[in-house]
Structures are given as structure tokens and as C-alpha cells.
Amino acid sequence: MFFKRKQSVDCPECAELAEYAAKRTARCPFMATKTFCSQCKVHCYAPVQREKIRQVMRYAGPRLMFSHPIMTIHHGIDTLGAKLRSR
């Protein structure tokens, strides 16, 4: 489930990262069955881009609760379940 961005990306670095993420997501062989990239065993992103995505999500994640509360709760439950399964 993906949502279109409501605003355009002004920063060239952010636009480049968004384009990279869209390309990698489109090519992901597990997209039909997986929940979130952070829980995938095969990482499609290069290490540098993975760290950039982590930084973006550290900022955007807490704010997601206000715009998409159901998606935020779903993500939290899936993340907690993955951590419990890995024990």
C-alpha cells in the first residue's frame, strides 16, 4: 500500500533518494508478500541509501501517526511481531 506524495520534494538530495527508493521498490521480488523493507531478509538498498532512509524515517515515522494512524499502528504491530519471532 503506497500513497502518493502530497507535496513535491524541493531538496535535490531528497528527490534523488525518493527516486532511488521508488526504483528499488518497483524491482523488489518480495513486494507482494512482505510488509516493510526494514523486516526483509534481502536488502535492496545500498548501505549508504539504507542509512539515509533510516534518517528520513526517524524524522517522518513519529509524524506519520497524525496523517496515517492506521498504517502507523499496523507498522508497530508488525515490527513488534518480527522482534518477538526473532528471539
C-alpha atoms as a PDB file:
ATOM      1  CA  MET A   1       0.000   0.000   0.000  1.00  0.00           C
ATOM      2  CA  PHE A   2       1.667   3.204  -1.119  1.00  0.00           C
ATOM      3  CA  PHE A   3       0.439   6.753  -1.019  1.00  0.00           C
ATOM      4  CA  LYS A   4       1.335   9.479  -3.448  1.00  0.00           C
ATOM      5  CA  ARG A   5       3.243  12.387  -2.003  1.00  0.00           C
ATOM      6  CA  LYS A   6       1.091  15.382  -1.238  1.00  0.00           C
ATOM      7  CA  GLN A   7       3.951  17.829  -1.710  1.00  0.00           C
ATOM      8  CA  SER A   8       6.771  17.972  -4.188  1.00  0.00           C
ATOM      9  CA  VAL A   9      10.297  17.313  -2.992  1.00  0.00           C
ATOM     10  CA  ASP A  10      12.247  20.568  -3.039  1.00  0.00           C
ATOM     11  CA  CYS A  11      15.668  19.327  -1.954  1.00  0.00           C
ATOM     12  CA  PRO A  12      17.675  17.719  -4.816  1.00  0.00           C
ATOM     13  CA  GLU A  13      19.179  15.166  -2.422  1.00  0.00           C
ATOM     14  CA  CYS A  14      15.718  14.208  -1.159  1.00  0.00           C
ATOM     15  CA  ALA A  15      14.354  13.950  -4.691  1.00  0.00           C
ATOM     16  CA  GLU A  16      17.256  11.683  -5.645  1.00  0.00           C
ATOM     17  CA  LEU A  17      16.638   9.460  -2.599  1.00  0.00           C
ATOM     18  CA  ALA A  18      12.895   9.288  -3.348  1.00  0.00           C
ATOM     19  CA  GLU A  19      13.619   8.310  -6.959  1.00  0.00           C
ATOM     20  CA  TYR A  20      16.119   5.659  -5.832  1.00  0.00           C
ATOM     21  CA  ALA A  21      13.622   4.227  -3.335  1.00  0.00           C
ATOM     22  CA  ALA A  22      10.855   4.094  -5.942  1.00  0.00           C
ATOM     23  CA  LYS A  23      13.100   2.226  -8.404  1.00  0.00           C
ATOM     24  CA  ARG A  24      14.274  -0.281  -5.800  1.00  0.00           C
ATOM     25  CA  THR A  25      10.749  -0.870  -4.524  1.00  0.00           C
ATOM     26  CA  ALA A  26       9.451  -1.425  -8.052  1.00  0.00           C
ATOM     27  CA  ARG A  27      12.114  -4.077  -8.660  1.00  0.00           C
ATOM     28  CA  CYS A  28      11.690  -5.885  -5.318  1.00  0.00           C
ATOM     29  CA  PRO A  29      10.813  -9.566  -5.889  1.00  0.00           C
ATOM     30  CA  PHE A  30       9.208  -9.843  -2.427  1.00  0.00           C
ATOM     31  CA  MET A  31       6.990  -6.742  -2.551  1.00  0.00           C
ATOM     32  CA  ALA A  32       3.797  -8.779  -2.998  1.00  0.00           C
ATOM     33  CA  THR A  33       4.340 -10.738   0.230  1.00  0.00           C
ATOM     34  CA  LYS A  34       6.410  -8.597   2.575  1.00  0.00           C
ATOM     35  CA  THR A  35       5.218  -5.883   4.916  1.00  0.00           C
ATOM     36  CA  PHE A  36       8.092  -3.416   5.365  1.00  0.00           C
ATOM     37  CA  CYS A  37      11.603  -3.208   3.930  1.00  0.00           C
ATOM     38  CA  SER A  38      13.103  -2.960   7.419  1.00  0.00           C
ATOM     39  CA  GLN A  39      11.852  -6.502   8.125  1.00  0.00           C
ATOM     40  CA  CYS A  40      13.032  -8.056   4.855  1.00  0.00           C
ATOM     41  CA  LYS A  41      15.918 -10.552   4.901  1.00  0.00           C
ATOM     42  CA  VAL A  42      17.130  -9.354   1.491  1.00  0.00           C
ATOM     43  CA  HIS A  43      18.001  -5.668   1.399  1.00  0.00           C
ATOM     44  CA  CYS A  44      17.569  -3.996  -1.973  1.00  0.00           C
ATOM     45  CA  TYR A  45      19.153  -0.696  -0.930  1.00  0.00           C
ATOM     46  CA  ALA A  46      22.867   0.037  -0.909  1.00  0.00           C
ATOM     47  CA  PRO A  47      24.260   0.658   2.608  1.00  0.00           C
ATOM     48  CA  VAL A  48      24.553   4.429   2.094  1.00  0.00           C
ATOM     49  CA  GLN A  49      20.954   4.749   0.921  1.00  0.00           C
ATOM     50  CA  ARG A  50      19.735   2.454   3.727  1.00  0.00           C
ATOM     51  CA  GLU A  51      21.246   4.824   6.272  1.00  0.00           C
ATOM     52  CA  LYS A  52      19.670   7.821   4.548  1.00  0.00           C
ATOM     53  CA  ILE A  53      16.274   6.098   4.601  1.00  0.00           C
ATOM     54  CA  ARG A  54      16.738   5.363   8.319  1.00  0.00           C
ATOM     55  CA  GLN A  55      17.390   9.062   8.939  1.00  0.00           C
ATOM     56  CA  VAL A  56      14.289  10.045   6.964  1.00  0.00           C
ATOM     57  CA  MET A  57      12.149   7.518   8.832  1.00  0.00           C
ATOM     58  CA  ARG A  58      13.472   8.673  12.223  1.00  0.00           C
ATOM     59  CA  TYR A  59      12.074  12.069  11.354  1.00  0.00           C
ATOM     60  CA  ALA A  60       8.938  11.047   9.466  1.00  0.00           C
ATOM     61  CA  GLY A  61       7.926   7.986  11.472  1.00  0.00           C
ATOM     62  CA  PRO A  62       6.604   9.764  14.582  1.00  0.00           C
ATOM     63  CA  ARG A  63       4.792  12.323  12.402  1.00  0.00           C
ATOM     64  CA  LEU A  64       3.095   9.590  10.381  1.00  0.00           C
ATOM     65  CA  MET A  65       0.718   8.996  13.295  1.00  0.00           C
ATOM     66  CA  PHE A  66      -1.068  12.260  12.512  1.00  0.00           C
ATOM     67  CA  SER A  67      -1.586  11.646   8.788  1.00  0.00           C
ATOM     68  CA  HIS A  68      -1.923   7.835   8.663  1.00  0.00           C
ATOM     69  CA  PRO A  69      -2.731   6.477  12.158  1.00  0.00           C
ATOM     70  CA  ILE A  70      -3.932   3.044  10.993  1.00  0.00           C
ATOM     71  CA  MET A  71      -0.787   2.479   8.926  1.00  0.00           C
ATOM     72  CA  THR A  72       1.334   3.531  11.923  1.00  0.00           C
ATOM     73  CA  ILE A  73      -0.379   1.044  14.219  1.00  0.00           C
ATOM     74  CA  HIS A  74      -0.047  -1.713  11.594  1.00  0.00           C
ATOM     75  CA  HIS A  75       3.664  -0.977  11.244  1.00  0.00           C
ATOM     76  CA  GLY A  76       4.150  -1.050  15.025  1.00  0.00           C
ATOM     77  CA  ILE A  77       2.376  -4.400  15.375  1.00  0.00           C
ATOM     78  CA  ASP A  78       4.356  -5.936  12.505  1.00  0.00           C
ATOM     79  CA  THR A  79       7.652  -4.627  13.887  1.00  0.00           C
ATOM     80  CA  LEU A  80       6.907  -5.944  17.371  1.00  0.00           C
ATOM     81  CA  GLY A  81       5.862  -9.319  15.929  1.00  0.00           C
ATOM     82  CA  ALA A  82       9.084  -9.587  13.919  1.00  0.00           C
ATOM     83  CA  LYS A  83      11.175  -8.824  17.009  1.00  0.00           C
ATOM     84  CA  LEU A  84       9.313 -11.446  19.044  1.00  0.00           C
ATOM     85  CA  ARG A  85       9.698 -14.060  16.283  1.00  0.00           C
ATOM     86  CA  SER A  86      13.449 -13.455  16.022  1.00  0.00           C
ATOM     87  CA  ARG A  87      14.034 -14.303  19.687  1.00  0.00           C
END
